[in-house]
C-alpha atoms as a PDB file:
ATOM      1  CA  MET A   1      -0.237   0.046   0.033  1.00  0.00           C
ATOM      2  CA  ILE A   2       1.359   3.430  -0.667  1.00  0.00           C
ATOM      3  CA  VAL A   3       1.258   5.836   1.733  1.00  0.00           C
ATOM      4  CA  PHE A   4       1.319  10.316   1.423  1.00  0.00           C
ATOM      5  CA  HIS A   5       1.889  12.192   4.469  1.00  0.00           C
ATOM      6  CA  ASP A   6       1.205  15.184   2.560  1.00  0.00           C
ATOM      7  CA  PRO A   7      -1.405  16.056  -0.436  1.00  0.00           C
ATOM      8  CA  ALA A   8       1.789  17.686  -2.064  1.00  0.00           C
ATOM      9  CA  ALA A   9       3.413  14.267  -2.223  1.00  0.00           C
ATOM     10  CA  VAL A  10       0.264  12.868  -4.309  1.00  0.00           C
ATOM     11  CA  PRO A  11       2.373  12.608  -8.017  1.00  0.00           C
ATOM     12  CA  ALA A  12       0.804  14.802 -10.989  1.00  0.00           C
ATOM     13  CA  GLY A  13      -1.976  12.574 -12.672  1.00  0.00           C
ATOM     14  CA  PHE A  14      -2.919  10.376  -9.837  1.00  0.00           C
ATOM     15  CA  GLY A  15      -5.920   8.574 -10.350  1.00  0.00           C
ATOM     16  CA  PRO A  16      -8.407   7.437 -11.035  1.00  0.00           C
ATOM     17  CA  SER A  17      -9.690   6.719  -7.336  1.00  0.00           C
ATOM     18  CA  VAL A  18     -12.467   5.329  -5.597  1.00  0.00           C
ATOM     19  CA  VAL A  19     -11.664   7.687  -2.030  1.00  0.00           C
ATOM     20  CA  ALA A  20     -13.114   6.622   1.599  1.00  0.00           C
ATOM     21  CA  ILE A  21     -12.383   9.569   4.218  1.00  0.00           C
ATOM     22  CA  GLY A  22     -12.615   8.459   7.971  1.00  0.00           C
ATOM     23  CA  LYS A  23     -11.219   8.106  11.273  1.00  0.00           C
ATOM     24  CA  PHE A  24     -10.984   4.673  10.437  1.00  0.00           C
ATOM     25  CA  ASP A  25      -9.865   4.296  14.330  1.00  0.00           C
ATOM     26  CA  GLY A  26      -9.593   0.283  14.776  1.00  0.00           C
ATOM     27  CA  VAL A  27     -10.580  -0.608  11.384  1.00  0.00           C
ATOM     28  CA  HIS A  28     -13.591  -2.445  12.830  1.00  0.00           C
ATOM     29  CA  SER A  29     -16.523  -4.131  10.901  1.00  0.00           C
ATOM     30  CA  GLY A  30     -18.241  -0.959   9.523  1.00  0.00           C
ATOM     31  CA  HIS A  31     -15.150   0.937   8.165  1.00  0.00           C
ATOM     32  CA  ARG A  32     -13.917  -2.338   6.244  1.00  0.00           C
ATOM     33  CA  ALA A  33     -17.796  -2.618   4.895  1.00  0.00           C
ATOM     34  CA  VAL A  34     -17.090   0.505   3.241  1.00  0.00           C
ATOM     35  CA  ILE A  35     -14.084   0.126   2.111  1.00  0.00           C
ATOM     36  CA  ASP A  36     -15.606  -3.073   0.667  1.00  0.00           C
ATOM     37  CA  ARG A  37     -17.906  -1.591  -1.174  1.00  0.00           C
ATOM     38  CA  ALA A  38     -15.053   1.054  -2.659  1.00  0.00           C
ATOM     39  CA  ARG A  39     -13.521  -2.244  -3.890  1.00  0.00           C
ATOM     40  CA  VAL A  40     -16.288  -3.174  -5.841  1.00  0.00           C
ATOM     41  CA  THR A  41     -17.095   0.676  -7.388  1.00  0.00           C
ATOM     42  CA  ALA A  42     -13.617   1.066  -7.951  1.00  0.00           C
ATOM     43  CA  THR A  43     -13.179  -2.595  -9.613  1.00  0.00           C
ATOM     44  CA  ASP A  44     -16.229  -1.130 -11.843  1.00  0.00           C
ATOM     45  CA  ALA A  45     -14.317   2.414 -12.296  1.00  0.00           C
ATOM     46  CA  GLY A  46     -10.695   0.840 -13.337  1.00  0.00           C
ATOM     47  CA  ALA A  47      -9.627   2.699 -10.298  1.00  0.00           C
ATOM     48  CA  GLN A  48      -7.884   2.492  -7.261  1.00  0.00           C
ATOM     49  CA  VAL A  49      -9.104   2.245  -3.485  1.00  0.00           C
ATOM     50  CA  VAL A  50      -7.548   5.351  -1.327  1.00  0.00           C
ATOM     51  CA  ALA A  51      -8.046   6.126   2.118  1.00  0.00           C
ATOM     52  CA  VAL A  52      -8.209   9.453   3.599  1.00  0.00           C
ATOM     53  CA  THR A  53      -7.366   9.500   7.396  1.00  0.00           C
ATOM     54  CA  PHE A  54      -5.837  11.756   9.958  1.00  0.00           C
ATOM     55  CA  ASN A  55      -2.945  11.634  12.128  1.00  0.00           C
ATOM     56  CA  ARG A  56      -4.845  11.944  15.468  1.00  0.00           C
ATOM     57  CA  ASN A  57      -8.813  12.223  15.974  1.00  0.00           C
ATOM     58  CA  PRO A  58      -9.912  16.000  15.232  1.00  0.00           C
ATOM     59  CA  LEU A  59     -10.984  16.320  18.735  1.00  0.00           C
ATOM     60  CA  SER A  60      -7.894  16.254  20.171  1.00  0.00           C
ATOM     61  CA  LEU A  61      -7.540  19.856  18.426  1.00  0.00           C
ATOM     62  CA  LEU A  62     -11.424  21.051  18.320  1.00  0.00           C
ATOM     63  CA  ARG A  63     -12.491  19.434  21.774  1.00  0.00           C
ATOM     64  CA  PRO A  64      -9.720  17.867  23.989  1.00  0.00           C
ATOM     65  CA  GLU A  65     -11.557  17.184  26.668  1.00  0.00           C
ATOM     66  CA  LEU A  66     -14.243  14.945  24.662  1.00  0.00           C
ATOM     67  CA  CYS A  67     -11.282  13.091  22.684  1.00  0.00           C
ATOM     68  CA  PRO A  68     -11.114   9.275  23.687  1.00  0.00           C
ATOM     69  CA  GLU A  69      -8.131   7.604  23.817  1.00  0.00           C
ATOM     70  CA  PRO A  70      -7.599   5.723  20.438  1.00  0.00           C
ATOM     71  CA  LEU A  71      -8.244   1.904  19.502  1.00  0.00           C
ATOM     72  CA  SER A  72      -5.315   2.000  17.134  1.00  0.00           C
ATOM     73  CA  SER A  73      -1.908   3.558  16.247  1.00  0.00           C
ATOM     74  CA  VAL A  74      -1.659   5.060  12.726  1.00  0.00           C
ATOM     75  CA  ASP A  75       0.776   2.332  12.286  1.00  0.00           C
ATOM     76  CA  GLN A  76      -1.678  -0.096  13.451  1.00  0.00           C
ATOM     77  CA  LYS A  77      -3.964   1.450  11.317  1.00  0.00           C
ATOM     78  CA  LEU A  78      -2.110   1.518   8.044  1.00  0.00           C
ATOM     79  CA  GLY A  79      -1.464  -2.075   8.251  1.00  0.00           C
ATOM     80  CA  LEU A  80      -5.102  -2.594   8.941  1.00  0.00           C
ATOM     81  CA  LEU A  81      -6.005  -0.636   6.028  1.00  0.00           C
ATOM     82  CA  ALA A  82      -3.262  -2.621   3.752  1.00  0.00           C
ATOM     83  CA  GLU A  83      -4.761  -5.821   5.021  1.00  0.00           C
ATOM     84  CA  ALA A  84      -8.440  -4.476   3.693  1.00  0.00           C
ATOM     85  CA  GLY A  85      -7.204  -4.242   0.650  1.00  0.00           C
ATOM     86  CA  VAL A  86      -6.654  -0.122   0.238  1.00  0.00           C
ATOM     87  CA  ASP A  87      -4.311   0.719  -2.463  1.00  0.00           C
ATOM     88  CA  ALA A  88      -3.021   3.664  -1.151  1.00  0.00           C
ATOM     89  CA  THR A  89      -3.863   6.178   2.407  1.00  0.00           C
ATOM     90  CA  LEU A  90      -3.578   9.910   2.408  1.00  0.00           C
ATOM     91  CA  VAL A  91      -2.283  10.393   6.154  1.00  0.00           C
ATOM     92  CA  LEU A  92      -3.738  14.128   6.889  1.00  0.00           C
ATOM     93  CA  ARG A  93      -2.224  16.268   9.368  1.00  0.00           C
ATOM     94  CA  PHE A  94      -4.835  17.678  11.069  1.00  0.00           C
ATOM     95  CA  ASP A  95      -3.620  20.882  12.934  1.00  0.00           C
ATOM     96  CA  ALA A  96      -5.350  24.832  13.038  1.00  0.00           C
ATOM     97  CA  GLU A  97      -4.543  25.385   8.969  1.00  0.00           C
ATOM     98  CA  LEU A  98      -6.216  22.178   8.039  1.00  0.00           C
ATOM     99  CA  ALA A  99      -9.483  22.773  10.215  1.00  0.00           C
ATOM    100  CA  ALA A 100      -9.716  26.304   9.050  1.00  0.00           C
ATOM    101  CA  LEU A 101     -10.144  25.087   5.277  1.00  0.00           C
ATOM    102  CA  GLU A 102     -13.021  26.359   3.446  1.00  0.00           C
ATOM    103  CA  PRO A 103     -14.993  23.063   2.705  1.00  0.00           C
ATOM    104  CA  ARG A 104     -14.472  23.808  -1.572  1.00  0.00           C
ATOM    105  CA  VAL A 105     -10.479  24.322  -0.340  1.00  0.00           C
ATOM    106  CA  PHE A 106     -10.742  21.070   1.203  1.00  0.00           C
ATOM    107  CA  VAL A 107     -12.133  19.467  -2.057  1.00  0.00           C
ATOM    108  CA  GLU A 108      -9.407  21.084  -4.180  1.00  0.00           C
ATOM    109  CA  HIS A 109      -6.846  20.675  -1.646  1.00  0.00           C
ATOM    110  CA  VAL A 110      -7.207  16.644  -0.881  1.00  0.00           C
ATOM    111  CA  LEU A 111      -9.878  14.774  -3.427  1.00  0.00           C
ATOM    112  CA  VAL A 112      -9.015  17.169  -6.676  1.00  0.00           C
ATOM    113  CA  ARG A 113      -4.962  15.818  -6.091  1.00  0.00           C
ATOM    114  CA  LEU A 114      -5.961  12.071  -5.871  1.00  0.00           C
ATOM    115  CA  GLY A 115      -8.123  12.063  -8.844  1.00  0.00           C
ATOM    116  CA  VAL A 116     -10.917  11.409  -7.710  1.00  0.00           C
ATOM    117  CA  VAL A 117     -14.131   9.728  -8.903  1.00  0.00           C
ATOM    118  CA  THR A 118     -16.431   8.593  -6.225  1.00  0.00           C
ATOM    119  CA  VAL A 119     -16.180   9.529  -2.419  1.00  0.00           C
ATOM    120  CA  MET A 120     -17.823   7.630   0.291  1.00  0.00           C
ATOM    121  CA  VAL A 121     -18.961   9.134   3.371  1.00  0.00           C
ATOM    122  CA  GLY A 122     -21.161   8.332   6.411  1.00  0.00           C
ATOM    123  CA  ASP A 123     -23.921  10.254   6.917  1.00  0.00           C
ATOM    124  CA  ASP A 124     -22.227  12.085   9.957  1.00  0.00           C
ATOM    125  CA  PHE A 125     -19.629  13.225   7.749  1.00  0.00           C
ATOM    126  CA  ARG A 126     -18.382  16.823   8.305  1.00  0.00           C
ATOM    127  CA  PHE A 127     -15.713  19.031   6.740  1.00  0.00           C
ATOM    128  CA  GLY A 128     -14.280  22.345   6.135  1.00  0.00           C
ATOM    129  CA  ARG A 129     -14.382  25.050   8.888  1.00  0.00           C
ATOM    130  CA  GLY A 130     -16.135  25.100  11.903  1.00  0.00           C
ATOM    131  CA  GLY A 131     -17.676  21.478  10.336  1.00  0.00           C
ATOM    132  CA  VAL A 132     -19.751  23.562   7.460  1.00  0.00           C
ATOM    133  CA  GLY A 133     -19.542  20.711   4.782  1.00  0.00           C
ATOM    134  CA  ASP A 134     -21.623  17.897   5.041  1.00  0.00           C
ATOM    135  CA  PRO A 135     -22.839  15.224   2.187  1.00  0.00           C
ATOM    136  CA  VAL A 136     -25.976  17.389   0.776  1.00  0.00           C
ATOM    137  CA  LEU A 137     -22.389  20.122   0.130  1.00  0.00           C
ATOM    138  CA  LEU A 138     -20.227  17.410  -0.941  1.00  0.00           C
ATOM    139  CA  GLN A 139     -22.445  16.007  -2.974  1.00  0.00           C
ATOM    140  CA  ARG A 140     -22.542  19.499  -5.029  1.00  0.00           C
ATOM    141  CA  LEU A 141     -19.083  20.065  -5.056  1.00  0.00           C
ATOM    142  CA  GLY A 142     -18.893  16.715  -6.766  1.00  0.00           C
ATOM    143  CA  GLU A 143     -21.560  17.796  -9.227  1.00  0.00           C
ATOM    144  CA  GLU A 144     -19.006  20.692 -10.159  1.00  0.00           C
ATOM    145  CA  TYR A 145     -15.843  18.739  -9.982  1.00  0.00           C
ATOM    146  CA  GLY A 146     -17.132  16.164 -11.636  1.00  0.00           C
ATOM    147  CA  PHE A 147     -17.078  12.990  -8.858  1.00  0.00           C
ATOM    148  CA  ASP A 148     -19.791  11.351  -7.442  1.00  0.00           C
ATOM    149  CA  VAL A 149     -20.532  10.913  -3.752  1.00  0.00           C
ATOM    150  CA  ASP A 150     -21.669   7.740  -2.161  1.00  0.00           C
ATOM    151  CA  VAL A 151     -22.919   8.569   1.225  1.00  0.00           C
ATOM    152  CA  VAL A 152     -22.679   4.731   3.383  1.00  0.00           C
ATOM    153  CA  GLY A 153     -25.113   4.259   5.983  1.00  0.00           C
ATOM    154  CA  ASP A 154     -24.304   2.367   9.188  1.00  0.00           C
ATOM    155  CA  VAL A 155     -23.196  -1.077  10.025  1.00  0.00           C
ATOM    156  CA  GLN A 156     -25.708  -2.480  12.214  1.00  0.00           C
ATOM    157  CA  GLY A 157     -24.618  -5.268  15.216  1.00  0.00           C
ATOM    158  CA  GLY A 158     -27.155  -6.575  17.531  1.00  0.00           C
ATOM    159  CA  GLY A 159     -29.417  -3.693  17.032  1.00  0.00           C
ATOM    160  CA  ARG A 160     -26.393  -0.996  17.467  1.00  0.00           C
ATOM    161  CA  ARG A 161     -24.352   0.642  15.325  1.00  0.00           C
ATOM    162  CA  VAL A 162     -20.934  -0.531  15.289  1.00  0.00           C
ATOM    163  CA  SER A 163     -18.265   1.742  16.226  1.00  0.00           C
ATOM    164  CA  SER A 164     -15.026   2.603  17.647  1.00  0.00           C
ATOM    165  CA  SER A 165     -16.755   3.878  20.847  1.00  0.00           C
ATOM    166  CA  TRP A 166     -18.862   0.804  21.276  1.00  0.00           C
ATOM    167  CA  VAL A 167     -15.321  -1.351  20.874  1.00  0.00           C
ATOM    168  CA  ARG A 168     -13.603   1.484  23.318  1.00  0.00           C
ATOM    169  CA  ASP A 169     -16.032   0.261  25.412  1.00  0.00           C
ATOM    170  CA  LEU A 170     -16.164  -3.350  25.814  1.00  0.00           C
ATOM    171  CA  LEU A 171     -12.350  -2.897  26.218  1.00  0.00           C
ATOM    172  CA  ALA A 172     -12.586  -1.195  29.043  1.00  0.00           C
ATOM    173  CA  ALA A 173     -14.815  -4.146  30.669  1.00  0.00           C
ATOM    174  CA  GLY A 174     -12.764  -6.448  29.854  1.00  0.00           C
ATOM    175  CA  ASP A 175     -15.001  -8.079  27.100  1.00  0.00           C
ATOM    176  CA  VAL A 176     -12.030  -8.865  23.783  1.00  0.00           C
ATOM    177  CA  GLU A 177     -14.440 -11.381  22.557  1.00  0.00           C
ATOM    178  CA  GLY A 178     -16.959  -8.843  21.909  1.00  0.00           C
ATOM    179  CA  ALA A 179     -14.912  -6.727  20.633  1.00  0.00           C
ATOM    180  CA  ALA A 180     -13.694  -8.948  18.296  1.00  0.00           C
ATOM    181  CA  ARG A 181     -16.601  -9.643  17.122  1.00  0.00           C
ATOM    182  CA  LEU A 182     -17.232  -6.197  16.274  1.00  0.00           C
ATOM    183  CA  LEU A 183     -13.642  -5.791  14.957  1.00  0.00           C
ATOM    184  CA  GLY A 184     -14.089  -8.870  12.501  1.00  0.00           C
ATOM    185  CA  ARG A 185     -10.465 -10.182  14.425  1.00  0.00           C
ATOM    186  CA  ALA A 186      -8.888 -10.329  17.684  1.00  0.00           C
ATOM    187  CA  HIS A 187      -8.230  -6.511  19.206  1.00  0.00           C
ATOM    188  CA  THR A 188      -4.043  -6.005  19.324  1.00  0.00           C
ATOM    189  CA  VAL A 189      -1.500  -4.119  21.384  1.00  0.00           C
ATOM    190  CA  THR A 190       1.839  -3.710  20.013  1.00  0.00           C
ATOM    191  CA  GLY A 191       5.257  -2.893  21.385  1.00  0.00           C
ATOM    192  CA  GLU A 192       8.698  -3.215  21.985  1.00  0.00           C
ATOM    193  CA  VAL A 193       9.835  -5.923  24.466  1.00  0.00           C
ATOM    194  CA  VAL A 194      12.079  -4.332  27.078  1.00  0.00           C
ATOM    195  CA  HIS A 195      13.220  -6.056  30.879  1.00  0.00           C
ATOM    196  CA  GLY A 196      11.024  -5.815  33.941  1.00  0.00           C
ATOM    197  CA  LEU A 197      11.506  -7.077  37.390  1.00  0.00           C
ATOM    198  CA  LYS A 198      11.849 -10.810  36.187  1.00  0.00           C
ATOM    199  CA  ARG A 199       9.329 -11.854  39.132  1.00  0.00           C
ATOM    200  CA  GLY A 200       7.336 -13.761  36.430  1.00  0.00           C
ATOM    201  CA  ARG A 201      10.654 -15.755  35.989  1.00  0.00           C
ATOM    202  CA  GLU A 202      11.531 -16.408  39.865  1.00  0.00           C
ATOM    203  CA  LEU A 203       7.439 -17.950  40.043  1.00  0.00           C
ATOM    204  CA  GLY A 204       8.123 -20.469  36.626  1.00  0.00           C
ATOM    205  CA  PHE A 205       6.293 -18.118  34.580  1.00  0.00           C
ATOM    206  CA  PRO A 206       9.076 -15.968  32.716  1.00  0.00           C
ATOM    207  CA  THR A 207       7.107 -13.036  30.650  1.00  0.00           C
ATOM    208  CA  ALA A 208       8.084 -10.780  28.207  1.00  0.00           C
ATOM    209  CA  ASN A 209       7.212  -7.136  29.020  1.00  0.00           C
ATOM    210  CA  LEU A 210       5.557  -4.564  26.768  1.00  0.00           C
ATOM    211  CA  SER A 211       7.077  -1.002  27.390  1.00  0.00           C
ATOM    212  CA  ALA A 212       5.548   1.872  28.428  1.00  0.00           C
ATOM    213  CA  ASP A 213       4.719   3.196  24.980  1.00  0.00           C
ATOM    214  CA  ALA A 214       2.868   0.358  23.221  1.00  0.00           C
ATOM    215  CA  GLU A 215       0.672   0.678  20.341  1.00  0.00           C
ATOM    216  CA  GLY A 216      -2.930   0.035  20.574  1.00  0.00           C
ATOM    217  CA  PHE A 217      -5.981   0.268  23.265  1.00  0.00           C
ATOM    218  CA  ILE A 218      -5.015  -1.620  26.611  1.00  0.00           C
ATOM    219  CA  PRO A 219      -7.701  -3.334  27.919  1.00  0.00           C
ATOM    220  CA  ALA A 220      -9.202  -3.685  31.456  1.00  0.00           C
ATOM    221  CA  ASP A 221      -6.954  -5.516  33.944  1.00  0.00           C
ATOM    222  CA  GLY A 222      -6.439  -8.960  34.420  1.00  0.00           C
ATOM    223  CA  ILE A 223      -5.535 -12.001  32.710  1.00  0.00           C
ATOM    224  CA  TYR A 224      -6.356 -13.007  28.855  1.00  0.00           C
ATOM    225  CA  ALA A 225      -5.746 -16.005  26.225  1.00  0.00           C
ATOM    226  CA  GLY A 226      -4.244 -15.158  23.355  1.00  0.00           C
ATOM    227  CA  TRP A 227      -1.429 -15.663  20.941  1.00  0.00           C
ATOM    228  CA  LEU A 228       1.906 -13.571  20.790  1.00  0.00           C
ATOM    229  CA  VAL A 229       3.199 -12.818  16.905  1.00  0.00           C
ATOM    230  CA  ASP A 230       7.112 -12.177  17.453  1.00  0.00           C
ATOM    231  CA  LEU A 231       7.651  -9.322  14.641  1.00  0.00           C
ATOM    232  CA  GLY A 232      11.790  -9.527  15.161  1.00  0.00           C
ATOM    233  CA  GLY A 233      14.265  -7.565  16.641  1.00  0.00           C
ATOM    234  CA  PRO A 234      16.381  -4.481  15.160  1.00  0.00           C
ATOM    235  CA  ASP A 235      18.869  -6.755  13.306  1.00  0.00           C
ATOM    236  CA  ASP A 236      16.311  -9.081  11.581  1.00  0.00           C
ATOM    237  CA  ALA A 237      16.391  -8.922   7.952  1.00  0.00           C
ATOM    238  CA  SER A 238      13.840 -11.784   7.344  1.00  0.00           C
ATOM    239  CA  SER A 239      10.285 -10.731   7.590  1.00  0.00           C
ATOM    240  CA  VAL A 240       8.884 -13.968   8.961  1.00  0.00           C
ATOM    241  CA  THR A 241       6.718 -13.932  11.991  1.00  0.00           C
ATOM    242  CA  THR A 242       6.252 -16.233  14.516  1.00  0.00           C
ATOM    243  CA  ARG A 243       3.278 -16.802  16.753  1.00  0.00           C
ATOM    244  CA  TYR A 244       2.849 -18.243  19.709  1.00  0.00           C
ATOM    245  CA  PRO A 245       0.351 -19.117  22.471  1.00  0.00           C
ATOM    246  CA  ALA A 246      -0.161 -16.613  25.510  1.00  0.00           C
ATOM    247  CA  ALA A 247      -1.029 -15.977  28.428  1.00  0.00           C
ATOM    248  CA  ILE A 248      -1.575 -12.263  29.202  1.00  0.00           C
ATOM    249  CA  SER A 249      -1.517 -10.238  32.162  1.00  0.00           C
ATOM    250  CA  VAL A 250      -2.443  -6.883  32.418  1.00  0.00           C
ATOM    251  CA  GLY A 251      -2.649  -4.259  35.576  1.00  0.00           C
ATOM    252  CA  THR A 252       0.023  -2.948  38.359  1.00  0.00           C
ATOM    253  CA  ASN A 253       0.800  -6.315  39.949  1.00  0.00           C
ATOM    254  CA  PRO A 254      -1.213  -5.925  42.990  1.00  0.00           C
ATOM    255  CA  THR A 255       0.330  -8.933  45.017  1.00  0.00           C
ATOM    256  CA  PHE A 256       3.659  -7.209  45.115  1.00  0.00           C
ATOM    257  CA  ASP A 257       1.981  -3.763  44.934  1.00  0.00           C
ATOM    258  CA  ASP A 258       5.642  -2.353  43.744  1.00  0.00           C
ATOM    259  CA  VAL A 259       4.174  -1.545  39.765  1.00  0.00           C
ATOM    260  CA  PRO A 260       2.823   1.822  40.041  1.00  0.00           C
ATOM    261  CA  LEU A 261       1.706   1.786  36.452  1.00  0.00           C
ATOM    262  CA  ARG A 262      -0.170  -0.385  34.330  1.00  0.00           C
ATOM    263  CA  GLN A 263       1.764  -3.172  32.412  1.00  0.00           C
ATOM    264  CA  VAL A 264       1.459  -5.757  30.436  1.00  0.00           C
ATOM    265  CA  GLU A 265       2.886  -8.714  29.844  1.00  0.00           C
ATOM    266  CA  ALA A 266       2.587 -12.146  28.208  1.00  0.00           C
ATOM    267  CA  TYR A 267       3.756 -15.752  29.359  1.00  0.00           C
ATOM    268  CA  VAL A 268       4.350 -17.499  25.768  1.00  0.00           C
ATOM    269  CA  LEU A 269       3.007 -21.289  26.697  1.00  0.00           C
ATOM    270  CA  ASP A 270       5.869 -23.962  27.280  1.00  0.00           C
ATOM    271  CA  GLU A 271       8.702 -21.436  26.363  1.00  0.00           C
ATOM    272  CA  THR A 272      11.124 -20.878  29.116  1.00  0.00           C
ATOM    273  CA  THR A 273      14.191 -19.811  27.434  1.00  0.00           C
ATOM    274  CA  LEU A 274      12.643 -17.756  24.795  1.00  0.00           C
ATOM    275  CA  ASP A 275      14.701 -14.610  24.291  1.00  0.00           C
ATOM    276  CA  LEU A 276      12.674 -11.748  22.864  1.00  0.00           C
ATOM    277  CA  TYR A 277      14.308  -8.605  24.768  1.00  0.00           C
ATOM    278  CA  GLY A 278      14.175  -5.833  21.979  1.00  0.00           C
ATOM    279  CA  HIS A 279      12.109  -7.365  19.933  1.00  0.00           C
ATOM    280  CA  HIS A 280       8.573  -6.105  18.798  1.00  0.00           C
ATOM    281  CA  VAL A 281       5.618  -8.438  19.618  1.00  0.00           C
ATOM    282  CA  GLN A 282       1.885  -7.981  18.438  1.00  0.00           C
ATOM    283  CA  LEU A 283      -0.246  -9.366  21.579  1.00  0.00           C
ATOM    284  CA  GLN A 284      -3.559 -10.643  20.324  1.00  0.00           C
ATOM    285  CA  PHE A 285      -6.316 -10.314  23.265  1.00  0.00           C
ATOM    286  CA  THR A 286      -9.133 -13.525  22.079  1.00  0.00           C
ATOM    287  CA  HIS A 287     -10.679 -14.577  25.591  1.00  0.00           C
ATOM    288  CA  ARG A 288     -11.066 -13.250  29.387  1.00  0.00           C
ATOM    289  CA  ILE A 289      -9.602 -15.505  31.942  1.00  0.00           C
ATOM    290  CA  ARG A 290     -10.360 -13.538  34.788  1.00  0.00           C
ATOM    291  CA  GLY A 291     -10.245 -10.121  36.773  1.00  0.00           C
ATOM    292  CA  MET A 292      -6.912  -8.472  38.613  1.00  0.00           C
ATOM    293  CA  VAL A 293      -6.989  -9.687  42.234  1.00  0.00           C
ATOM    294  CA  ALA A 294      -4.065  -9.429  45.174  1.00  0.00           C
ATOM    295  CA  PHE A 295      -3.415 -13.019  46.655  1.00  0.00           C
ATOM    296  CA  GLU A 296      -1.975 -13.860  50.208  1.00  0.00           C
ATOM    297  CA  GLY A 297       1.443 -15.062  49.375  1.00  0.00           C
ATOM    298  CA  ILE A 298       3.719 -16.414  47.223  1.00  0.00           C
ATOM    299  CA  ASP A 299       2.050 -20.143  47.350  1.00  0.00           C
ATOM    300  CA  ALA A 300      -0.962 -18.971  46.456  1.00  0.00           C
ATOM    301  CA  LEU A 301      -0.325 -16.878  43.498  1.00  0.00           C
ATOM    302  CA  ILE A 302       1.794 -19.506  41.743  1.00  0.00           C
ATOM    303  CA  ALA A 303      -1.303 -21.732  42.069  1.00  0.00           C
ATOM    304  CA  GLN A 304      -3.551 -19.085  40.547  1.00  0.00           C
ATOM    305  CA  MET A 305      -1.015 -18.643  37.535  1.00  0.00           C
ATOM    306  CA  THR A 306      -0.934 -22.520  37.093  1.00  0.00           C
ATOM    307  CA  ASP A 307      -4.689 -22.559  37.038  1.00  0.00           C
ATOM    308  CA  ASP A 308      -4.606 -19.289  34.284  1.00  0.00           C
ATOM    309  CA  VAL A 309      -2.295 -21.090  32.128  1.00  0.00           C
ATOM    310  CA  ALA A 310      -4.496 -24.428  32.220  1.00  0.00           C
ATOM    311  CA  ARG A 311      -7.580 -22.299  31.390  1.00  0.00           C
ATOM    312  CA  VAL A 312      -5.587 -20.580  28.509  1.00  0.00           C
ATOM    313  CA  ARG A 313      -4.246 -23.836  27.103  1.00  0.00           C
ATOM    314  CA  ALA A 314      -7.989 -24.893  27.273  1.00  0.00           C
ATOM    315  CA  VAL A 315      -9.587 -21.948  25.159  1.00  0.00           C
ATOM    316  CA  LEU A 316      -6.602 -21.905  22.781  1.00  0.00           C
ATOM    317  CA  THR A 317      -7.116 -25.065  21.568  1.00  0.00           C
END
């Protein structure tokens, strides 16, 4: 997938394009339905599919007090868009200058450069200074500039609109299985494996600790079943990845009460000598095993961890 970080980087003569515009946070099943529709339209028109998105949630500038934590980083979003079949993505830097563009200027500045033949937006789409642009105005501008506008309705799940907010609420409650149904895949967190207190190793369950700047929304504290995908270290030339079954812990280690910040760590089942330090890994959350609790003593903790691993093994097999 081609990635542009500025409309000026789009080469002259680019297109024709079917363009889908949105935040695409998490690239959930609703987003993918739009992309799938864009792919069908693009095939009929002999065009390519282009996603236009932002480097951050516009609310982070316009209404920071209302801005939610993102489900995915920009890099994660780009990977998911590529997997969904998008040919190119334009990542707009959402700043005061972009927010101040009049709707007509936005069309000229972004869409015309992409050689757009059809634009796909949701019925709540707003653009231009103060959000004055809506699908009706976009359609009028489309008639003037020679492109069609396809307003895509919401995707429903269980009688409710599928949205990033709903996914976020489920993850915040630890319901990773419910979130997976809306995402169409397991929710993931990605980060570098760093050195921790090595307490898991002392207890017989060595863990890979993710760095504090891990990417992706971190679910509620607790123990989860899932998979660890080794994306490789800084010196790895191969793009081959390895996937391991894992028990994943999220929380602050309440039994010892010496980890002030929430920590994400994963024990790879049956692997006691695996060296992942410095590697980037992706954790895929598939099932919640239990919430996070403090235990009275090491023996009780080890007994619970042994049971957790058995339950993780059972749900993954």
